[in-house]
Amino acid sequence: MAEASSPASLFARLRLHRGGFAMEMEMRLEQPLVAALYGPSGCGKSSFLRALAGLEPAAEGVVRVNGRSWQESARGIMLPPHRREVGLVFQESRLFPHLDVEGNLAFGARQRKNGPSPERFRETVALFGLDKLLRRRPDTLSGGEKQRVAIARALLSGPRLLLLDEPLSAVDAAHKAEIFPYLERLFHRIRIPVILVSHDWREVLRLSREVYIMEQGRLRRHGDTLELQYERNDYRLNALEARVHRWCEAERLMELHIGGDLIRVPSQEPPRTESMRLLVSPLEVAVSREPVTRSSILNVLRCRLGSVRLLDEGRAALDLEGDGWRLQAVITQASTRRLELKPGVELYALIKSVLVDHSRF
């Protein structure tokens, strides 16, 4: 990737050679967004993040944020970490054990020029659901709670760039599920670039809009996360235009119209737009010849089978036609035979999970 003349939220081209390890990496974010840095352990992800933060003195190259040079080795510019206005969160929360949650957050706030307003402090506490934790010490918190405090503390420092280095890797599955909604709420609101390091593709797919895939210290692939997820498959990602019907606060669900049908999507807060695009993986759509009622699946929609197309590896793509909407489902060829699926058959589409395309807003 060549450096262009147009301004970027972040431009970085960095090299680091240490012993037998070599890292050469370039990243350009054109606007505030969440970009993931993905790859196996030891490929250089954390080294690149540390170099952005100024924690790798041996790293050479260029780092610019919002047009301001933090580092230009050729010109002798090398801002120290405390002048880079970076919010950095590691695998371990690194909270101060002698301070309660409010004290930890206040420490982050003191790093900000002029400090955040009391209103901003309260908003951040509310965003991460920390109201009831303010008087507790770190050793009484769960792993997910600690990371929520750590990210909130980083935000209160007023960063120009937020760096999250495997923030969920030390959190068990139950607490990881607890923290995901808070991260999603943050990423939908934030107006600075965020780089999320992860070796878990499920985290990358759920949380990022762009992904940089690293291998052996170098960039192997870069692109839109959803496009990279599906580009090698012989089926397409379903995109549904939806109109908001209402938000159910008690159940934390949005109800939306797709054509003449209603679909339900988990949501921690009321929608901010009247329409949105929903994304559904064909692998997350099952079909039934009969209605399904007693099930954990929220969305069961009546439809008609338009066509069946055989794919590789024993799979089949089904084109489903509903009341003003279309979906593609991918199931096994064995299931198509067992259900005797032929064009024109009446079916029920069982949609197991739905993502909101927030890149549209």
Protein backbone atom coordinates (compact mmCIF):
# COMPACT_ATOMS: atom_id res chain seq x y z
CA MET A 1 0.00 0.00 0.00
CA ALA A 2 1.40 3.37 -0.97
CA GLU A 3 0.94 6.48 1.10
CA ALA A 4 -1.56 8.76 -0.66
CA SER A 5 -1.89 12.51 -0.41
CA SER A 6 -5.36 12.46 1.17
CA PRO A 7 -5.47 12.70 4.97
CA ALA A 8 -6.01 9.57 7.02
CA SER A 9 -7.08 9.02 10.60
CA LEU A 10 -4.03 6.80 10.88
CA PHE A 11 -1.07 6.10 8.63
CA ALA A 12 1.70 3.83 9.87
CA ARG A 13 4.62 2.16 8.13
CA LEU A 14 6.88 0.46 10.65
CA ARG A 15 9.86 -1.90 10.71
CA LEU A 16 11.24 -3.75 13.71
CA HIS A 17 14.16 -6.17 13.76
CA ARG A 18 14.98 -7.89 17.01
CA GLY A 19 17.13 -11.02 17.14
CA GLY A 20 15.70 -13.47 14.61
CA PHE A 21 12.34 -11.64 14.48
CA ALA A 22 11.48 -9.14 11.73
CA MET A 23 8.26 -7.12 11.41
CA GLU A 24 7.42 -4.86 8.47
CA MET A 25 3.87 -3.61 8.49
CA GLU A 26 1.81 -0.82 6.98
CA MET A 27 -1.69 0.34 7.92
CA ARG A 28 -3.89 3.15 6.69
CA LEU A 29 -7.29 3.99 8.16
CA GLU A 30 -9.17 6.60 6.13
CA GLN A 31 -11.78 7.35 8.77
CA PRO A 32 -12.58 6.53 12.38
CA LEU A 33 -13.45 2.84 12.38
CA VAL A 34 -12.63 -0.45 14.06
CA ALA A 35 -9.88 -2.36 12.28
CA ALA A 36 -8.77 -5.79 13.42
CA LEU A 37 -5.20 -7.05 13.33
CA TYR A 38 -5.51 -10.82 12.94
CA GLY A 39 -3.04 -13.66 12.81
CA PRO A 40 -1.45 -16.51 14.76
CA SER A 41 0.54 -15.98 17.94
CA GLY A 42 4.04 -14.67 17.24
CA CYS A 43 3.22 -13.13 13.85
CA GLY A 44 3.95 -9.56 15.03
CA LYS A 45 0.51 -8.20 15.92
CA SER A 46 1.38 -7.04 19.43
CA SER A 47 4.79 -5.74 18.30
CA PHE A 48 3.08 -3.52 15.73
CA LEU A 49 0.63 -2.25 18.35
CA ARG A 50 3.42 -1.51 20.82
CA ALA A 51 5.35 0.32 18.09
CA LEU A 52 2.30 2.51 17.39
CA ALA A 53 2.17 3.38 21.07
CA GLY A 54 5.89 4.24 21.15
CA LEU A 55 6.77 1.27 23.35
CA GLU A 56 9.24 -0.22 20.86
CA PRO A 57 12.16 2.27 20.66
CA ALA A 58 13.92 0.10 18.07
CA ALA A 59 10.99 0.38 15.64
CA GLU A 60 11.66 2.63 12.63
CA GLY A 61 9.28 4.28 10.19
CA VAL A 62 6.32 6.63 10.17
CA VAL A 63 3.26 7.04 12.42
CA ARG A 64 0.77 9.83 11.73
CA VAL A 65 -2.57 10.32 13.47
CA ASN A 66 -5.00 12.92 12.12
CA GLY A 67 -2.16 14.44 10.11
CA ARG A 68 0.12 14.88 13.15
CA SER A 69 3.48 13.08 13.07
CA TRP A 70 4.12 10.94 16.11
CA GLN A 71 7.11 9.32 14.50
CA GLU A 72 9.25 9.95 11.43
CA SER A 73 12.56 8.18 11.78
CA ALA A 74 14.11 9.88 8.75
CA ARG A 75 13.49 13.30 10.35
CA GLY A 76 14.40 12.30 13.88
CA ILE A 77 10.83 12.58 15.18
CA MET A 78 10.00 10.08 17.93
CA LEU A 79 7.34 11.16 20.41
CA PRO A 80 7.52 9.24 23.69
CA PRO A 81 4.51 7.12 24.71
CA HIS A 82 3.06 9.70 27.11
CA ARG A 83 2.81 12.28 24.30
CA ARG A 84 1.12 10.01 21.74
CA GLU A 85 -2.41 10.28 23.17
CA VAL A 86 -2.96 6.55 22.89
CA GLY A 87 -5.45 4.50 24.87
CA LEU A 88 -3.87 1.05 25.28
CA VAL A 89 -5.59 -1.98 26.81
CA PHE A 90 -3.70 -5.25 27.26
CA GLN A 91 -4.80 -8.86 27.78
CA GLU A 92 -4.61 -8.29 31.52
CA SER A 93 -6.57 -5.28 32.74
CA ARG A 94 -3.62 -3.83 34.71
CA LEU A 95 -5.92 -1.96 37.07
CA PHE A 96 -4.40 -0.39 40.18
CA PRO A 97 -5.22 -2.86 42.98
CA HIS A 98 -5.12 -0.20 45.74
CA LEU A 99 -7.82 1.90 44.00
CA ASP A 100 -11.50 1.13 43.60
CA VAL A 101 -13.16 1.29 40.18
CA GLU A 102 -13.95 5.00 40.49
CA GLY A 103 -10.33 5.69 41.48
CA ASN A 104 -9.03 3.77 38.46
CA LEU A 105 -11.36 5.69 36.16
CA ALA A 106 -10.35 8.99 37.77
CA PHE A 107 -6.69 8.17 37.12
CA GLY A 108 -7.46 7.74 33.42
CA ALA A 109 -9.39 11.01 33.40
CA ARG A 110 -6.41 12.87 34.90
CA GLN A 111 -4.28 11.93 31.89
CA ARG A 112 -6.54 14.01 29.66
CA LYS A 113 -5.78 17.65 28.95
CA ASN A 114 -8.19 19.71 31.08
CA GLY A 115 -9.86 16.44 32.12
CA PRO A 116 -13.27 15.15 30.93
CA SER A 117 -16.43 16.93 31.97
CA PRO A 118 -18.49 15.33 34.76
CA GLU A 119 -21.10 14.58 32.09
CA ARG A 120 -18.55 12.70 29.94
CA PHE A 121 -17.44 10.75 33.02
CA ARG A 122 -21.04 9.76 33.78
CA GLU A 123 -21.67 8.82 30.13
CA THR A 124 -18.63 6.55 30.07
CA VAL A 125 -19.65 4.89 33.34
CA ALA A 126 -23.14 4.30 31.93
CA LEU A 127 -21.83 3.08 28.56
CA PHE A 128 -19.91 0.27 30.24
CA GLY A 129 -22.50 -0.46 32.93
CA LEU A 130 -20.13 0.43 35.77
CA ASP A 131 -22.57 2.33 38.01
CA LYS A 132 -22.83 -0.46 40.57
CA LEU A 133 -19.10 -1.26 40.52
CA LEU A 134 -17.62 2.14 41.39
CA ARG A 135 -16.85 1.29 45.05
CA ARG A 136 -15.42 -2.15 44.36
CA ARG A 137 -11.72 -3.10 44.22
CA PRO A 138 -10.26 -4.92 41.18
CA ASP A 139 -9.75 -8.17 43.10
CA THR A 140 -13.55 -8.46 43.56
CA LEU A 141 -14.34 -8.09 39.84
CA SER A 142 -14.82 -10.78 37.20
CA GLY A 143 -12.52 -10.88 34.19
CA GLY A 144 -15.15 -9.25 32.00
CA GLU A 145 -15.78 -6.50 34.55
CA LYS A 146 -12.06 -5.76 34.84
CA GLN A 147 -11.74 -5.35 31.08
CA ARG A 148 -14.76 -3.07 30.94
CA VAL A 149 -13.12 -0.87 33.56
CA ALA A 150 -9.78 -0.96 31.72
CA ILE A 151 -11.33 0.12 28.41
CA ALA A 152 -13.39 2.83 30.10
CA ARG A 153 -10.24 4.12 31.83
CA ALA A 154 -8.41 4.22 28.48
CA LEU A 155 -11.27 6.20 26.91
CA LEU A 156 -11.37 8.72 29.73
CA SER A 157 -7.74 9.62 29.00
CA GLY A 158 -8.99 11.29 25.79
CA PRO A 159 -7.02 9.21 23.26
CA ARG A 160 -6.64 9.98 19.55
CA LEU A 161 -6.14 6.27 18.94
CA LEU A 162 -7.49 3.27 20.89
CA LEU A 163 -5.40 0.08 20.85
CA LEU A 164 -6.85 -3.16 22.22
CA ASP A 165 -4.30 -5.98 22.49
CA GLU A 166 -6.21 -9.28 22.76
CA PRO A 167 -8.61 -7.73 25.32
CA LEU A 168 -10.75 -10.87 25.54
CA SER A 169 -8.13 -13.62 25.39
CA ALA A 170 -7.80 -13.89 29.18
CA VAL A 171 -11.59 -13.87 29.70
CA ASP A 172 -13.57 -17.13 29.86
CA ALA A 173 -16.43 -17.81 27.46
CA ALA A 174 -19.18 -16.73 29.85
CA HIS A 175 -17.58 -13.38 30.67
CA LYS A 176 -16.58 -12.87 27.04
CA ALA A 177 -20.28 -13.09 26.10
CA GLU A 178 -20.93 -10.52 28.85
CA ILE A 179 -18.45 -7.97 27.50
CA PHE A 180 -19.30 -8.26 23.77
CA PRO A 181 -22.42 -6.04 23.95
CA TYR A 182 -20.46 -3.29 25.70
CA LEU A 183 -17.76 -3.37 23.03
CA GLU A 184 -20.38 -3.25 20.29
CA ARG A 185 -22.04 -0.23 21.88
CA LEU A 186 -18.66 1.51 22.15
CA PHE A 187 -17.60 0.75 18.59
CA HIS A 188 -20.90 2.02 17.19
CA ARG A 189 -20.38 5.40 18.90
CA ILE A 190 -16.64 6.00 18.91
CA ARG A 191 -15.18 8.69 16.66
CA ILE A 192 -11.50 7.73 16.80
CA PRO A 193 -9.69 4.87 15.07
CA VAL A 194 -9.62 1.61 17.00
CA ILE A 195 -7.23 -1.28 16.36
CA LEU A 196 -8.28 -4.61 17.84
CA VAL A 197 -5.63 -7.36 17.98
CA SER A 198 -7.04 -10.87 17.98
CA HIS A 199 -6.24 -14.42 16.93
CA ASP A 200 -9.93 -15.39 17.17
CA TRP A 201 -11.73 -14.90 13.85
CA ARG A 202 -15.13 -14.91 15.60
CA GLU A 203 -14.12 -11.78 17.53
CA VAL A 204 -12.83 -10.18 14.34
CA LEU A 205 -16.04 -10.93 12.45
CA ARG A 206 -18.28 -9.64 15.22
CA LEU A 207 -16.39 -6.46 16.14
CA SER A 208 -14.42 -5.10 13.17
CA ARG A 209 -15.20 -3.50 9.83
CA GLU A 210 -11.76 -3.94 8.29
CA VAL A 211 -9.18 -6.62 8.93
CA TYR A 212 -5.42 -6.74 8.42
CA ILE A 213 -4.20 -10.34 8.34
CA MET A 214 -0.58 -10.79 9.42
CA GLU A 215 1.74 -13.72 8.88
CA GLN A 216 5.40 -13.98 9.93
CA GLY A 217 5.73 -10.27 10.58
CA ARG A 218 4.16 -9.09 7.32
CA LEU A 219 0.76 -8.11 5.96
CA ARG A 220 -0.71 -11.00 3.99
CA ARG A 221 -4.22 -9.69 3.30
CA HIS A 222 -6.33 -6.60 3.96
CA GLY A 223 -9.95 -5.80 3.26
CA ASP A 224 -13.54 -5.54 4.45
CA THR A 225 -14.07 -8.13 7.19
CA LEU A 226 -17.33 -9.48 5.81
CA GLU A 227 -16.00 -9.67 2.26
CA LEU A 228 -12.93 -11.61 3.38
CA GLN A 229 -15.13 -13.93 5.39
CA TYR A 230 -17.14 -14.96 2.37
CA GLU A 231 -14.98 -14.32 -0.69
CA ARG A 232 -13.73 -17.90 -0.91
CA ASN A 233 -17.15 -19.46 -0.58
CA ASP A 234 -19.46 -20.15 -3.51
CA TYR A 235 -22.42 -18.47 -1.84
CA ARG A 236 -23.23 -14.87 -1.02
CA LEU A 237 -23.82 -12.98 2.20
CA ASN A 238 -27.51 -12.07 2.58
CA ALA A 239 -28.26 -8.35 2.92
CA LEU A 240 -31.80 -7.35 3.94
CA GLU A 241 -33.16 -3.81 3.95
CA ALA A 242 -35.21 -3.38 7.12
CA ARG A 243 -37.49 -0.75 8.68
CA VAL A 244 -37.53 -0.33 12.44
CA HIS A 245 -40.86 -1.22 14.03
CA ARG A 246 -40.04 -0.86 17.73
CA TRP A 247 -37.50 -1.57 20.45
CA CYS A 248 -38.46 -3.90 23.31
CA GLU A 249 -36.54 -2.60 26.31
CA ALA A 250 -37.41 -5.49 28.62
CA GLU A 251 -36.12 -8.10 26.18
CA ARG A 252 -33.37 -5.94 24.62
CA LEU A 253 -34.67 -6.69 21.13
CA MET A 254 -35.34 -4.63 18.03
CA GLU A 255 -38.32 -5.57 15.89
CA LEU A 256 -37.93 -4.70 12.22
CA HIS A 257 -39.95 -5.20 9.06
CA ILE A 258 -38.35 -6.95 6.11
CA GLY A 259 -40.98 -6.79 3.41
CA GLY A 260 -44.20 -7.94 5.02
CA ASP A 261 -42.56 -9.97 7.79
CA LEU A 262 -41.20 -9.10 11.22
CA ILE A 263 -37.67 -10.01 12.30
CA ARG A 264 -36.13 -9.67 15.77
CA VAL A 265 -32.54 -8.64 16.44
CA PRO A 266 -30.73 -8.31 19.81
CA SER A 267 -30.01 -4.68 20.70
CA GLN A 268 -28.71 -3.16 23.93
CA GLU A 269 -30.22 0.26 23.18
CA PRO A 270 -32.91 1.88 21.00
CA PRO A 271 -32.05 2.22 17.30
CA ARG A 272 -30.88 5.64 16.12
CA THR A 273 -32.22 5.27 12.57
CA GLU A 274 -35.55 4.31 11.06
CA SER A 275 -34.02 1.90 8.56
CA MET A 276 -30.95 -0.30 8.44
CA ARG A 277 -29.36 -3.17 6.59
CA LEU A 278 -29.23 -6.61 8.16
CA LEU A 279 -26.61 -9.20 7.29
CA VAL A 280 -27.27 -12.93 7.50
CA SER A 281 -24.82 -15.70 6.69
CA PRO A 282 -26.34 -18.46 4.52
CA LEU A 283 -24.82 -20.90 7.00
CA GLU A 284 -27.01 -19.36 9.71
CA VAL A 285 -30.26 -20.18 7.86
CA ALA A 286 -31.91 -23.58 8.26
CA VAL A 287 -35.17 -24.72 6.69
CA SER A 288 -38.14 -26.79 7.80
CA ARG A 289 -41.18 -28.20 6.02
CA GLU A 290 -43.24 -27.45 9.15
CA PRO A 291 -43.49 -24.42 11.49
CA VAL A 292 -41.11 -24.51 14.45
CA THR A 293 -42.46 -23.07 17.69
CA ARG A 294 -40.71 -24.37 20.83
CA SER A 295 -37.18 -23.39 19.91
CA SER A 296 -34.47 -20.88 20.88
CA ILE A 297 -34.54 -19.48 17.33
CA LEU A 298 -36.32 -16.11 17.35
CA ASN A 299 -36.94 -15.75 13.63
CA VAL A 300 -38.98 -18.38 11.80
CA LEU A 301 -40.35 -16.97 8.54
CA ARG A 302 -42.67 -18.60 6.04
CA CYS A 303 -41.28 -18.72 2.49
CA ARG A 304 -41.17 -20.55 -0.82
CA LEU A 305 -38.21 -22.40 -2.36
CA GLY A 306 -37.18 -20.67 -5.57
CA SER A 307 -34.28 -22.86 -6.70
CA VAL A 308 -31.73 -25.40 -5.50
CA ARG A 309 -28.07 -25.31 -6.62
CA LEU A 310 -25.59 -28.05 -5.77
CA LEU A 311 -22.24 -26.88 -4.40
CA ASP A 312 -18.96 -28.60 -3.59
CA GLU A 313 -18.33 -30.71 -0.48
CA GLY A 314 -21.86 -32.08 -0.32
CA ARG A 315 -23.60 -28.73 0.17
CA ALA A 316 -26.53 -27.08 -1.59
CA ALA A 317 -27.61 -23.42 -1.93
CA LEU A 318 -31.32 -22.71 -1.57
CA ASP A 319 -32.91 -19.49 -2.84
CA LEU A 320 -35.78 -18.64 -0.50
CA GLU A 321 -38.53 -16.16 -1.40
CA GLY A 322 -40.60 -14.54 1.34
CA ASP A 323 -43.11 -11.71 1.55
CA GLY A 324 -40.99 -8.99 -0.08
CA TRP A 325 -37.59 -10.50 0.81
CA ARG A 326 -35.12 -13.09 -0.47
CA LEU A 327 -32.55 -15.17 1.37
CA GLN A 328 -30.01 -17.78 0.44
CA ALA A 329 -29.48 -20.76 2.74
CA VAL A 330 -26.67 -23.30 2.52
CA ILE A 331 -27.48 -26.79 3.82
CA THR A 332 -26.22 -30.30 3.10
CA GLN A 333 -27.28 -32.13 -0.04
CA ALA A 334 -28.37 -34.96 2.25
CA SER A 335 -30.90 -32.60 3.86
CA THR A 336 -32.28 -31.53 0.49
CA ARG A 337 -32.98 -35.19 -0.32
CA ARG A 338 -34.39 -35.99 3.12
CA LEU A 339 -36.76 -33.00 2.98
CA GLU A 340 -37.57 -33.66 -0.70
CA LEU A 341 -36.80 -30.05 -1.61
CA LYS A 342 -37.88 -28.92 -5.06
CA PRO A 343 -38.65 -25.45 -6.49
CA GLY A 344 -42.07 -24.24 -5.40
CA VAL A 345 -42.15 -26.11 -2.09
CA GLU A 346 -43.50 -24.13 0.89
CA LEU A 347 -40.91 -23.86 3.68
CA TYR A 348 -40.05 -22.09 6.92
CA ALA A 349 -36.72 -20.28 7.13
CA LEU A 350 -35.07 -20.58 10.56
CA ILE A 351 -32.67 -17.63 10.91
CA LYS A 352 -30.24 -18.41 13.72
CA SER A 353 -28.30 -15.12 13.90
CA VAL A 354 -28.46 -11.64 12.38
CA LEU A 355 -25.85 -8.84 12.25
CA VAL A 356 -26.62 -5.14 11.79
CA ASP A 357 -24.44 -3.49 9.14
CA HIS A 358 -23.32 -0.45 11.14
CA SER A 359 -20.91 0.62 8.40
CA ARG A 360 -23.92 2.18 6.67
CA PHE A 361 -24.41 4.78 9.41
